[in-house]
Amino acid sequence: MRFKPFKIKLKQVLIKNYVVFKIELHKIRSKGNSFFLEKLGYYNTDPFRKIISINTYRLGFWLNRGAKLNLKVYAILKKYLAKSKK
């Protein structure tokens, strides 16, 4: 199987004094966070309502195509899956 140059990363956005992270698909060799191929979801860090919204179908699609997860995205998904099983 050929090497697929994709990585799933976080992009930080500041909204009303709290941080929201967009979960996006990037090419590995792209510089910075300016260009992304597809938006896969977001993670809201507001202390009163923590929201994780992920398009699991597209995430699974890209993981099956060989995309790699960033360590921070992996940690967020681990929390998300642990909460969804309960």
PDB file of N, CA and C in Angstrom:
ATOM      1  N   MET A   1       0.846  -1.182   0.000  1.00  0.00           N
ATOM      2  CA  MET A   1       0.000   0.000   0.000  1.00  0.00           C
ATOM      3  C   MET A   1       0.888   1.241   0.000  1.00  0.00           C
ATOM      4  N   ARG A   2       0.540   2.217  -0.796  1.00  0.00           N
ATOM      5  CA  ARG A   2       1.318   3.439  -0.885  1.00  0.00           C
ATOM      6  C   ARG A   2       1.091   4.325   0.328  1.00  0.00           C
ATOM      7  N   PHE A   3       2.078   5.157   0.597  1.00  0.00           N
ATOM      8  CA  PHE A   3       2.008   6.110   1.697  1.00  0.00           C
ATOM      9  C   PHE A   3       0.997   7.206   1.374  1.00  0.00           C
ATOM     10  N   LYS A   4       0.088   7.457   2.266  1.00  0.00           N
ATOM     11  CA  LYS A   4      -0.927   8.505   2.088  1.00  0.00           C
ATOM     12  C   LYS A   4      -0.523   9.720   2.919  1.00  0.00           C
ATOM     13  N   PRO A   5      -0.251  10.830   2.289  1.00  0.00           N
ATOM     14  CA  PRO A   5       0.274  11.996   3.019  1.00  0.00           C
ATOM     15  C   PRO A   5      -0.818  12.853   3.662  1.00  0.00           C
ATOM     16  N   PHE A   6      -1.619  12.287   4.561  1.00  0.00           N
ATOM     17  CA  PHE A   6      -2.677  13.043   5.224  1.00  0.00           C
ATOM     18  C   PHE A   6      -2.525  12.938   6.735  1.00  0.00           C
ATOM     19  N   LYS A   7      -2.908  14.003   7.430  1.00  0.00           N
ATOM     20  CA  LYS A   7      -2.871  14.019   8.878  1.00  0.00           C
ATOM     21  C   LYS A   7      -4.102  14.770   9.389  1.00  0.00           C
ATOM     22  N   ILE A   8      -4.693  14.288  10.463  1.00  0.00           N
ATOM     23  CA  ILE A   8      -5.854  14.923  11.079  1.00  0.00           C
ATOM     24  C   ILE A   8      -5.341  15.769  12.239  1.00  0.00           C
ATOM     25  N   LYS A   9      -5.545  17.089  12.154  1.00  0.00           N
ATOM     26  CA  LYS A   9      -4.978  18.041  13.102  1.00  0.00           C
ATOM     27  C   LYS A   9      -6.066  18.915  13.719  1.00  0.00           C
ATOM     28  N   LEU A  10      -5.652  19.678  14.743  1.00  0.00           N
ATOM     29  CA  LEU A  10      -6.521  20.663  15.377  1.00  0.00           C
ATOM     30  C   LEU A  10      -6.126  22.059  14.916  1.00  0.00           C
ATOM     31  N   LYS A  11      -7.114  22.925  14.755  1.00  0.00           N
ATOM     32  CA  LYS A  11      -6.865  24.339  14.493  1.00  0.00           C
ATOM     33  C   LYS A  11      -7.607  25.134  15.550  1.00  0.00           C
ATOM     34  N   GLN A  12      -6.895  26.008  16.250  1.00  0.00           N
ATOM     35  CA  GLN A  12      -7.462  26.763  17.353  1.00  0.00           C
ATOM     36  C   GLN A  12      -8.153  28.025  16.855  1.00  0.00           C
ATOM     37  N   VAL A  13      -9.373  28.270  17.371  1.00  0.00           N
ATOM     38  CA  VAL A  13     -10.147  29.459  17.043  1.00  0.00           C
ATOM     39  C   VAL A  13     -10.668  30.037  18.359  1.00  0.00           C
ATOM     40  N   LEU A  14     -10.518  31.358  18.546  1.00  0.00           N
ATOM     41  CA  LEU A  14     -10.988  32.014  19.767  1.00  0.00           C
ATOM     42  C   LEU A  14     -12.358  32.637  19.525  1.00  0.00           C
ATOM     43  N   ILE A  15     -13.354  32.227  20.331  1.00  0.00           N
ATOM     44  CA  ILE A  15     -14.713  32.749  20.199  1.00  0.00           C
ATOM     45  C   ILE A  15     -15.216  33.144  21.589  1.00  0.00           C
ATOM     46  N   LYS A  16     -15.483  34.424  21.779  1.00  0.00           N
ATOM     47  CA  LYS A  16     -16.082  34.945  23.018  1.00  0.00           C
ATOM     48  C   LYS A  16     -15.359  34.454  24.277  1.00  0.00           C
ATOM     49  N   ASN A  17     -14.073  34.656  24.344  1.00  0.00           N
ATOM     50  CA  ASN A  17     -13.241  34.364  25.512  1.00  0.00           C
ATOM     51  C   ASN A  17     -13.107  32.882  25.843  1.00  0.00           C
ATOM     52  N   TYR A  18     -13.395  31.997  24.935  1.00  0.00           N
ATOM     53  CA  TYR A  18     -13.080  30.589  25.118  1.00  0.00           C
ATOM     54  C   TYR A  18     -12.599  30.021  23.795  1.00  0.00           C
ATOM     55  N   VAL A  19     -11.970  28.882  23.874  1.00  0.00           N
ATOM     56  CA  VAL A  19     -11.284  28.322  22.716  1.00  0.00           C
ATOM     57  C   VAL A  19     -12.124  27.212  22.097  1.00  0.00           C
ATOM     58  N   VAL A  20     -12.206  27.226  20.781  1.00  0.00           N
ATOM     59  CA  VAL A  20     -12.834  26.158  20.014  1.00  0.00           C
ATOM     60  C   VAL A  20     -11.764  25.605  19.084  1.00  0.00           C
ATOM     61  N   PHE A  21     -11.682  24.277  19.022  1.00  0.00           N
ATOM     62  CA  PHE A  21     -10.740  23.633  18.125  1.00  0.00           C
ATOM     63  C   PHE A  21     -11.500  23.005  16.966  1.00  0.00           C
ATOM     64  N   LYS A  22     -11.069  23.296  15.752  1.00  0.00           N
ATOM     65  CA  LYS A  22     -11.616  22.626  14.578  1.00  0.00           C
ATOM     66  C   LYS A  22     -10.776  21.397  14.313  1.00  0.00           C
ATOM     67  N   ILE A  23     -11.424  20.290  13.995  1.00  0.00           N
ATOM     68  CA  ILE A  23     -10.724  19.062  13.635  1.00  0.00           C
ATOM     69  C   ILE A  23     -10.726  18.994  12.115  1.00  0.00           C
ATOM     70  N   GLU A  24      -9.525  19.070  11.518  1.00  0.00           N
ATOM     71  CA  GLU A  24      -9.415  19.195  10.070  1.00  0.00           C
ATOM     72  C   GLU A  24      -8.423  18.187   9.502  1.00  0.00           C
ATOM     73  N   LEU A  25      -8.617  17.882   8.224  1.00  0.00           N
ATOM     74  CA  LEU A  25      -7.723  16.998   7.492  1.00  0.00           C
ATOM     75  C   LEU A  25      -6.752  17.859   6.689  1.00  0.00           C
ATOM     76  N   HIS A  26      -5.459  17.613   6.868  1.00  0.00           N
ATOM     77  CA  HIS A  26      -4.412  18.377   6.187  1.00  0.00           C
ATOM     78  C   HIS A  26      -3.497  17.423   5.431  1.00  0.00           C
ATOM     79  N   LYS A  27      -2.809  17.969   4.441  1.00  0.00           N
ATOM     80  CA  LYS A  27      -1.692  17.238   3.858  1.00  0.00           C
ATOM     81  C   LYS A  27      -0.525  17.349   4.823  1.00  0.00           C
ATOM     82  N   ILE A  28       0.259  16.288   4.939  1.00  0.00           N
ATOM     83  CA  ILE A  28       1.367  16.293   5.891  1.00  0.00           C
ATOM     84  C   ILE A  28       2.391  17.360   5.546  1.00  0.00           C
ATOM     85  N   ARG A  29       2.650  17.565   4.285  1.00  0.00           N
ATOM     86  CA  ARG A  29       3.695  18.498   3.891  1.00  0.00           C
ATOM     87  C   ARG A  29       3.223  19.941   3.790  1.00  0.00           C
ATOM     88  N   SER A  30       1.968  20.223   4.118  1.00  0.00           N
ATOM     89  CA  SER A  30       1.498  21.615   4.072  1.00  0.00           C
ATOM     90  C   SER A  30       2.068  22.380   5.262  1.00  0.00           C
ATOM     91  N   LYS A  31       2.439  23.622   5.042  1.00  0.00           N
ATOM     92  CA  LYS A  31       3.031  24.440   6.099  1.00  0.00           C
ATOM     93  C   LYS A  31       1.925  25.213   6.805  1.00  0.00           C
ATOM     94  N   GLY A  32       1.906  25.146   8.115  1.00  0.00           N
ATOM     95  CA  GLY A  32       0.926  25.884   8.903  1.00  0.00           C
ATOM     96  C   GLY A  32      -0.459  25.257   8.848  1.00  0.00           C
ATOM     97  N   ASN A  33      -1.419  25.986   9.363  1.00  0.00           N
ATOM     98  CA  ASN A  33      -2.799  25.513   9.424  1.00  0.00           C
ATOM     99  C   ASN A  33      -3.691  26.228   8.429  1.00  0.00           C
ATOM    100  N   SER A  34      -3.111  26.875   7.427  1.00  0.00           N
ATOM    101  CA  SER A  34      -3.925  27.707   6.548  1.00  0.00           C
ATOM    102  C   SER A  34      -4.764  26.893   5.569  1.00  0.00           C
ATOM    103  N   PHE A  35      -4.246  25.805   5.043  1.00  0.00           N
ATOM    104  CA  PHE A  35      -4.957  25.057   4.016  1.00  0.00           C
ATOM    105  C   PHE A  35      -5.380  23.696   4.556  1.00  0.00           C
ATOM    106  N   PHE A  36      -6.659  23.391   4.454  1.00  0.00           N
ATOM    107  CA  PHE A  36      -7.137  22.078   4.874  1.00  0.00           C
ATOM    108  C   PHE A  36      -7.992  21.487   3.764  1.00  0.00           C
ATOM    109  N   LEU A  37      -8.083  20.171   3.752  1.00  0.00           N
ATOM    110  CA  LEU A  37      -8.845  19.477   2.717  1.00  0.00           C
ATOM    111  C   LEU A  37     -10.305  19.292   3.102  1.00  0.00           C
ATOM    112  N   GLU A  38     -10.537  18.985   4.387  1.00  0.00           N
ATOM    113  CA  GLU A  38     -11.912  18.719   4.821  1.00  0.00           C
ATOM    114  C   GLU A  38     -12.047  19.000   6.316  1.00  0.00           C
ATOM    115  N   LYS A  39     -13.171  19.582   6.716  1.00  0.00           N
ATOM    116  CA  LYS A  39     -13.476  19.803   8.127  1.00  0.00           C
ATOM    117  C   LYS A  39     -14.215  18.575   8.639  1.00  0.00           C
ATOM    118  N   LEU A  40     -13.682  17.963   9.697  1.00  0.00           N
ATOM    119  CA  LEU A  40     -14.264  16.734  10.225  1.00  0.00           C
ATOM    120  C   LEU A  40     -15.077  16.950  11.497  1.00  0.00           C
ATOM    121  N   GLY A  41     -14.933  18.101  12.147  1.00  0.00           N
ATOM    122  CA  GLY A  41     -15.700  18.367  13.356  1.00  0.00           C
ATOM    123  C   GLY A  41     -15.097  19.496  14.155  1.00  0.00           C
ATOM    124  N   TYR A  42     -15.573  19.639  15.400  1.00  0.00           N
ATOM    125  CA  TYR A  42     -15.025  20.661  16.282  1.00  0.00           C
ATOM    126  C   TYR A  42     -15.126  20.213  17.730  1.00  0.00           C
ATOM    127  N   TYR A  43     -14.332  20.870  18.583  1.00  0.00           N
ATOM    128  CA  TYR A  43     -14.295  20.591  20.012  1.00  0.00           C
ATOM    129  C   TYR A  43     -14.384  21.919  20.740  1.00  0.00           C
ATOM    130  N   ASN A  44     -15.455  22.142  21.497  1.00  0.00           N
ATOM    131  CA  ASN A  44     -15.707  23.386  22.219  1.00  0.00           C
ATOM    132  C   ASN A  44     -15.228  23.223  23.659  1.00  0.00           C
ATOM    133  N   THR A  45     -14.368  24.134  24.126  1.00  0.00           N
ATOM    134  CA  THR A  45     -13.824  24.039  25.479  1.00  0.00           C
ATOM    135  C   THR A  45     -14.488  24.988  26.467  1.00  0.00           C
ATOM    136  N   ASP A  46     -15.674  25.470  26.167  1.00  0.00           N
ATOM    137  CA  ASP A  46     -16.401  26.332  27.095  1.00  0.00           C
ATOM    138  C   ASP A  46     -16.634  25.549  28.398  1.00  0.00           C
ATOM    139  N   PRO A  47     -16.264  26.136  29.567  1.00  0.00           N
ATOM    140  CA  PRO A  47     -16.355  25.360  30.816  1.00  0.00           C
ATOM    141  C   PRO A  47     -17.776  24.947  31.200  1.00  0.00           C
ATOM    142  N   PHE A  48     -18.791  25.654  30.724  1.00  0.00           N
ATOM    143  CA  PHE A  48     -20.159  25.318  31.104  1.00  0.00           C
ATOM    144  C   PHE A  48     -20.784  24.279  30.190  1.00  0.00           C
ATOM    145  N   ARG A  49     -20.286  24.164  28.971  1.00  0.00           N
ATOM    146  CA  ARG A  49     -20.826  23.161  28.045  1.00  0.00           C
ATOM    147  C   ARG A  49     -19.733  22.706  27.089  1.00  0.00           C
ATOM    148  N   LYS A  50     -19.128  21.590  27.416  1.00  0.00           N
ATOM    149  CA  LYS A  50     -18.096  21.036  26.541  1.00  0.00           C
ATOM    150  C   LYS A  50     -18.791  20.206  25.473  1.00  0.00           C
ATOM    151  N   ILE A  51     -18.558  20.574  24.243  1.00  0.00           N
ATOM    152  CA  ILE A  51     -19.230  19.924  23.121  1.00  0.00           C
ATOM    153  C   ILE A  51     -18.188  19.357  22.167  1.00  0.00           C
ATOM    154  N   ILE A  52     -18.391  18.121  21.768  1.00  0.00           N
ATOM    155  CA  ILE A  52     -17.563  17.508  20.743  1.00  0.00           C
ATOM    156  C   ILE A  52     -18.496  17.079  19.623  1.00  0.00           C
ATOM    157  N   SER A  53     -18.240  17.579  18.441  1.00  0.00           N
ATOM    158  CA  SER A  53     -19.030  17.197  17.274  1.00  0.00           C
ATOM    159  C   SER A  53     -18.073  16.653  16.219  1.00  0.00           C
ATOM    160  N   ILE A  54     -18.252  15.378  15.850  1.00  0.00           N
ATOM    161  CA  ILE A  54     -17.356  14.729  14.899  1.00  0.00           C
ATOM    162  C   ILE A  54     -18.182  13.994  13.865  1.00  0.00           C
ATOM    163  N   ASN A  55     -17.824  14.149  12.605  1.00  0.00           N
ATOM    164  CA  ASN A  55     -18.430  13.366  11.538  1.00  0.00           C
ATOM    165  C   ASN A  55     -17.698  12.027  11.501  1.00  0.00           C
ATOM    166  N   THR A  56     -18.240  11.033  12.211  1.00  0.00           N
ATOM    167  CA  THR A  56     -17.542   9.755  12.376  1.00  0.00           C
ATOM    168  C   THR A  56     -17.429   8.982  11.067  1.00  0.00           C
ATOM    169  N   TYR A  57     -18.387   9.165  10.169  1.00  0.00           N
ATOM    170  CA  TYR A  57     -18.321   8.472   8.886  1.00  0.00           C
ATOM    171  C   TYR A  57     -17.104   8.937   8.088  1.00  0.00           C
ATOM    172  N   ARG A  58     -16.919  10.255   7.992  1.00  0.00           N
ATOM    173  CA  ARG A  58     -15.788  10.792   7.231  1.00  0.00           C
ATOM    174  C   ARG A  58     -14.463  10.533   7.953  1.00  0.00           C
ATOM    175  N   LEU A  59     -14.484  10.563   9.295  1.00  0.00           N
ATOM    176  CA  LEU A  59     -13.273  10.260  10.054  1.00  0.00           C
ATOM    177  C   LEU A  59     -12.829   8.830   9.788  1.00  0.00           C
ATOM    178  N   GLY A  60     -13.768   7.895   9.824  1.00  0.00           N
ATOM    179  CA  GLY A  60     -13.447   6.502   9.517  1.00  0.00           C
ATOM    180  C   GLY A  60     -12.976   6.315   8.087  1.00  0.00           C
ATOM    181  N   PHE A  61     -13.585   7.044   7.165  1.00  0.00           N
ATOM    182  CA  PHE A  61     -13.190   6.981   5.764  1.00  0.00           C
ATOM    183  C   PHE A  61     -11.725   7.352   5.601  1.00  0.00           C
ATOM    184  N   TRP A  62     -11.310   8.484   6.212  1.00  0.00           N
ATOM    185  CA  TRP A  62      -9.935   8.943   6.056  1.00  0.00           C
ATOM    186  C   TRP A  62      -8.955   8.082   6.840  1.00  0.00           C
ATOM    187  N   LEU A  63      -9.370   7.538   7.979  1.00  0.00           N
ATOM    188  CA  LEU A  63      -8.483   6.638   8.717  1.00  0.00           C
ATOM    189  C   LEU A  63      -8.248   5.350   7.931  1.00  0.00           C
ATOM    190  N   ASN A  64      -9.272   4.857   7.241  1.00  0.00           N
ATOM    191  CA  ASN A  64      -9.099   3.673   6.392  1.00  0.00           C
ATOM    192  C   ASN A  64      -8.222   3.960   5.185  1.00  0.00           C
ATOM    193  N   ARG A  65      -8.141   5.215   4.761  1.00  0.00           N
ATOM    194  CA  ARG A  65      -7.295   5.594   3.635  1.00  0.00           C
ATOM    195  C   ARG A  65      -5.857   5.870   4.067  1.00  0.00           C
ATOM    196  N   GLY A  66      -5.561   5.735   5.350  1.00  0.00           N
ATOM    197  CA  GLY A  66      -4.190   5.877   5.829  1.00  0.00           C
ATOM    198  C   GLY A  66      -3.863   7.195   6.486  1.00  0.00           C
ATOM    199  N   ALA A  67      -4.852   8.021   6.804  1.00  0.00           N
ATOM    200  CA  ALA A  67      -4.578   9.291   7.483  1.00  0.00           C
ATOM    201  C   ALA A  67      -4.119   9.011   8.912  1.00  0.00           C
ATOM    202  N   LYS A  68      -3.210   9.832   9.388  1.00  0.00           N
ATOM    203  CA  LYS A  68      -2.671   9.690  10.741  1.00  0.00           C
ATOM    204  C   LYS A  68      -3.315  10.716  11.655  1.00  0.00           C
ATOM    205  N   LEU A  69      -3.503  10.348  12.929  1.00  0.00           N
ATOM    206  CA  LEU A  69      -4.080  11.258  13.921  1.00  0.00           C
ATOM    207  C   LEU A  69      -2.976  12.002  14.654  1.00  0.00           C
ATOM    208  N   ASN A  70      -3.197  13.282  14.907  1.00  0.00           N
ATOM    209  CA  ASN A  70      -2.340  14.063  15.778  1.00  0.00           C
ATOM    210  C   ASN A  70      -2.551  13.552  17.204  1.00  0.00           C
ATOM    211  N   LEU A  71      -1.557  13.702  18.085  1.00  0.00           N
ATOM    212  CA  LEU A  71      -1.686  13.197  19.451  1.00  0.00           C
ATOM    213  C   LEU A  71      -2.818  13.876  20.220  1.00  0.00           C
ATOM    214  N   LYS A  72      -3.017  15.170  20.003  1.00  0.00           N
ATOM    215  CA  LYS A  72      -4.097  15.885  20.696  1.00  0.00           C
ATOM    216  C   LYS A  72      -5.468  15.429  20.197  1.00  0.00           C
ATOM    217  N   VAL A  73      -5.578  15.181  18.913  1.00  0.00           N
ATOM    218  CA  VAL A  73      -6.841  14.671  18.354  1.00  0.00           C
ATOM    219  C   VAL A  73      -7.114  13.278  18.905  1.00  0.00           C
ATOM    220  N   TYR A  74      -6.069  12.474  19.028  1.00  0.00           N
ATOM    221  CA  TYR A  74      -6.217  11.129  19.582  1.00  0.00           C
ATOM    222  C   TYR A  74      -6.735  11.188  21.017  1.00  0.00           C
ATOM    223  N   ALA A  75      -6.207  12.115  21.826  1.00  0.00           N
ATOM    224  CA  ALA A  75      -6.644  12.242  23.216  1.00  0.00           C
ATOM    225  C   ALA A  75      -8.108  12.679  23.300  1.00  0.00           C
ATOM    226  N   ILE A  76      -8.505  13.613  22.436  1.00  0.00           N
ATOM    227  CA  ILE A  76      -9.899  14.074  22.425  1.00  0.00           C
ATOM    228  C   ILE A  76     -10.832  12.943  22.002  1.00  0.00           C
ATOM    229  N   LEU A  77     -10.460  12.197  20.981  1.00  0.00           N
ATOM    230  CA  LEU A  77     -11.287  11.083  20.533  1.00  0.00           C
ATOM    231  C   LEU A  77     -11.379   9.982  21.582  1.00  0.00           C
ATOM    232  N   LYS A  78     -10.315   9.775  22.325  1.00  0.00           N
ATOM    233  CA  LYS A  78     -10.326   8.774  23.387  1.00  0.00           C
ATOM    234  C   LYS A  78     -11.340   9.146  24.468  1.00  0.00           C
ATOM    235  N   LYS A  79     -11.376  10.441  24.854  1.00  0.00           N
ATOM    236  CA  LYS A  79     -12.372  10.909  25.823  1.00  0.00           C
ATOM    237  C   LYS A  79     -13.781  10.785  25.266  1.00  0.00           C
ATOM    238  N   TYR A  80     -13.937  11.163  23.998  1.00  0.00           N
ATOM    239  CA  TYR A  80     -15.245  11.130  23.344  1.00  0.00           C
ATOM    240  C   TYR A  80     -15.795   9.698  23.280  1.00  0.00           C
ATOM    241  N   LEU A  81     -14.957   8.747  22.915  1.00  0.00           N
ATOM    242  CA  LEU A  81     -15.396   7.358  22.818  1.00  0.00           C
ATOM    243  C   LEU A  81     -15.664   6.752  24.187  1.00  0.00           C
ATOM    244  N   ALA A  82     -14.907   7.149  25.194  1.00  0.00           N
ATOM    245  CA  ALA A  82     -15.139   6.653  26.554  1.00  0.00           C
ATOM    246  C   ALA A  82     -16.491   7.130  27.077  1.00  0.00           C
ATOM    247  N   LYS A  83     -16.851   8.385  26.791  1.00  0.00           N
ATOM    248  CA  LYS A  83     -18.133   8.917  27.249  1.00  0.00           C
ATOM    249  C   LYS A  83     -19.303   8.310  26.477  1.00  0.00           C
ATOM    250  N   SER A  84     -19.099   8.018  25.196  1.00  0.00           N
ATOM    251  CA  SER A  84     -20.197   7.492  24.380  1.00  0.00           C
ATOM    252  C   SER A  84     -20.521   6.042  24.723  1.00  0.00           C
ATOM    253  N   LYS A  85     -19.554   5.308  25.275  1.00  0.00           N
ATOM    254  CA  LYS A  85     -19.807   3.904  25.652  1.00  0.00           C
ATOM    255  C   LYS A  85     -20.619   3.781  26.926  1.00  0.00           C
ATOM    256  N   LYS A  86     -20.576   4.811  27.789  1.00  0.00           N
ATOM    257  CA  LYS A  86     -21.288   4.746  29.086  1.00  0.00           C
ATOM    258  C   LYS A  86     -22.770   4.893  28.919  1.00  0.00           C
TER     259      LYS A  86
END
